[in-house]
Amino acid sequence: MASERTMANDDRKQTIRFFTEEELDALEETDPDMAYRIARAQAIAARDRLAPTQASETGPPDRAAVERAIEDVRRILQRDGGDIELIGIDGTRVQVRMKGACAGCPNSVLDLRHVVEKIVCAVPGVSSVVNTF
């Protein structure tokens, strides 16, 4: 039987039904696309539910560790003529500025999401990275 979990989101409670592996296997036999969509949605919901809690449990991020992560990102971006600057740390959110070739590049949003966030969010206490202009 599927489990139900209650999540608080913007001061309102929302009940999400999670399908068990057996239910997803049974659904996959009749509708594999639907089983995939449900499994994917469940994985995203579980990840989003855990992400803010993990960042808040560790406390604020260490500025030196964030600066080291930004230096790692800087070396990657400089290969293509880009650069990044640490603007500040606001709670668990890190504010950066994409510079150089990254400033006007249409792929900078993807770079921020797939390169910068992956490296910087690995620092304990960091929940997100935001580009400021």
Protein backbone atom coordinates (compact mmCIF):
# COMPACT_ATOMS: atom_id res chain seq x y z
CA MET A 1 0.00 0.00 0.00
CA ALA A 2 1.26 3.50 -0.78
CA SER A 3 2.57 5.62 2.02
CA GLU A 4 1.40 9.15 2.65
CA ARG A 5 3.61 11.93 3.91
CA THR A 6 2.58 15.38 4.97
CA MET A 7 4.79 18.24 3.87
CA ALA A 8 4.66 21.84 5.09
CA ASN A 9 4.95 24.22 2.16
CA ASP A 10 4.38 27.97 2.56
CA ASP A 11 2.51 27.52 5.86
CA ARG A 12 0.06 25.04 4.37
CA LYS A 13 0.05 21.31 4.72
CA GLN A 14 0.08 19.21 1.62
CA THR A 15 -0.35 15.45 1.53
CA ILE A 16 1.67 13.62 -1.07
CA ARG A 17 1.01 9.99 -1.90
CA PHE A 18 4.15 7.96 -2.52
CA PHE A 19 3.73 4.74 -4.49
CA THR A 20 5.56 1.65 -3.28
CA GLU A 21 8.00 -0.23 -5.50
CA GLU A 22 5.45 -3.03 -5.92
CA GLU A 23 2.77 -0.57 -7.09
CA LEU A 24 5.20 1.04 -9.53
CA ASP A 25 6.20 -2.39 -10.86
CA ALA A 26 2.55 -3.31 -11.41
CA LEU A 27 1.87 0.01 -13.13
CA GLU A 28 4.97 -0.39 -15.30
CA GLU A 29 3.52 -3.57 -16.81
CA THR A 30 0.45 -1.68 -18.07
CA ASP A 31 1.75 1.88 -18.51
CA PRO A 32 5.55 2.23 -18.38
CA ASP A 33 5.49 5.95 -19.20
CA MET A 34 3.18 6.73 -16.29
CA ALA A 35 5.28 4.60 -13.92
CA TYR A 36 8.39 6.54 -14.99
CA ARG A 37 6.68 9.93 -14.47
CA ILE A 38 5.44 8.95 -11.02
CA ALA A 39 8.83 7.54 -9.95
CA ARG A 40 10.56 10.70 -11.18
CA ALA A 41 8.08 12.99 -9.40
CA GLN A 42 8.54 11.02 -6.18
CA ALA A 43 12.32 11.30 -6.42
CA ILE A 44 12.11 15.06 -6.97
CA ALA A 45 9.65 15.51 -4.10
CA ALA A 46 11.87 13.50 -1.77
CA ARG A 47 14.94 15.50 -2.78
CA ASP A 48 13.18 18.85 -2.36
CA ARG A 49 11.81 17.77 1.00
CA LEU A 50 15.27 16.92 2.31
CA ALA A 51 17.33 19.76 0.80
CA PRO A 52 16.33 22.67 3.07
CA THR A 53 16.54 20.51 6.19
CA GLN A 54 20.06 19.36 5.43
CA ALA A 55 21.30 22.92 4.92
CA SER A 56 19.67 24.24 8.09
CA GLU A 57 20.98 21.39 10.26
CA THR A 58 24.61 22.22 9.53
CA GLY A 59 24.32 25.93 10.31
CA PRO A 60 25.66 28.75 8.15
CA PRO A 61 28.27 27.86 5.55
CA ASP A 62 31.94 28.47 6.22
CA ARG A 63 33.04 31.46 4.11
CA ALA A 64 36.52 30.00 3.50
CA ALA A 65 35.02 26.74 2.21
CA VAL A 66 32.66 28.67 -0.09
CA GLU A 67 35.60 30.72 -1.40
CA ARG A 68 37.57 27.53 -2.12
CA ALA A 69 34.56 26.11 -4.01
CA ILE A 70 34.24 29.35 -6.00
CA GLU A 71 37.95 29.09 -6.92
CA ASP A 72 37.33 25.56 -8.22
CA VAL A 73 34.41 26.84 -10.29
CA ARG A 74 36.48 29.80 -11.50
CA ARG A 75 39.12 27.46 -12.98
CA ILE A 76 36.41 25.57 -14.87
CA LEU A 77 34.73 28.69 -16.24
CA GLN A 78 38.00 30.37 -17.23
CA ARG A 79 38.64 27.56 -19.72
CA ASP A 80 35.92 29.10 -21.89
CA GLY A 81 36.68 32.75 -21.13
CA GLY A 82 34.20 33.09 -18.27
CA ASP A 83 34.66 34.02 -14.65
CA ILE A 84 32.73 34.17 -11.39
CA GLU A 85 32.85 36.44 -8.36
CA LEU A 86 31.58 35.76 -4.85
CA ILE A 87 29.27 38.63 -3.87
CA GLY A 88 28.17 37.40 -0.46
CA ILE A 89 26.51 34.80 1.67
CA ASP A 90 22.94 35.46 2.80
CA GLY A 91 21.99 32.78 5.32
CA THR A 92 22.33 29.54 3.40
CA ARG A 93 22.18 31.21 -0.02
CA VAL A 94 25.38 32.12 -1.85
CA GLN A 95 25.28 35.15 -4.15
CA VAL A 96 27.66 35.19 -7.11
CA ARG A 97 28.17 37.26 -10.24
CA MET A 98 28.93 35.56 -13.53
CA LYS A 99 31.55 37.57 -15.42
CA GLY A 100 33.58 37.52 -18.61
CA ALA A 101 32.12 35.41 -21.39
CA CYS A 102 29.53 34.06 -18.92
CA ALA A 103 27.94 37.51 -18.46
CA GLY A 104 26.14 37.51 -21.81
CA CYS A 105 26.15 33.82 -22.59
CA PRO A 106 22.77 32.13 -22.98
CA ASN A 107 24.27 28.98 -21.43
CA SER A 108 25.26 30.79 -18.22
CA VAL A 109 21.97 29.74 -16.62
CA LEU A 110 22.81 26.10 -17.31
CA ASP A 111 26.39 26.60 -16.12
CA LEU A 112 25.10 28.15 -12.90
CA ARG A 113 22.75 25.25 -12.33
CA HIS A 114 24.88 22.31 -13.43
CA VAL A 115 28.41 23.45 -12.61
CA VAL A 116 28.36 26.21 -9.99
CA GLU A 117 25.50 24.85 -7.87
CA LYS A 118 26.87 21.29 -7.86
CA ILE A 119 30.26 22.39 -6.60
CA VAL A 120 29.23 25.18 -4.23
CA CYS A 121 26.20 23.35 -2.77
CA ALA A 122 28.56 20.55 -1.74
CA VAL A 123 29.81 22.93 0.97
CA PRO A 124 27.92 22.13 4.19
CA GLY A 125 25.29 24.75 4.94
CA VAL A 126 24.78 26.01 1.37
CA SER A 127 21.24 25.53 0.08
CA SER A 128 21.36 27.47 -3.19
CA VAL A 129 23.45 29.69 -5.44
CA VAL A 130 22.00 32.84 -7.04
CA ASN A 131 23.48 34.96 -9.82
CA THR A 132 23.23 38.70 -9.13
CA PHE A 133 23.67 41.27 -11.87
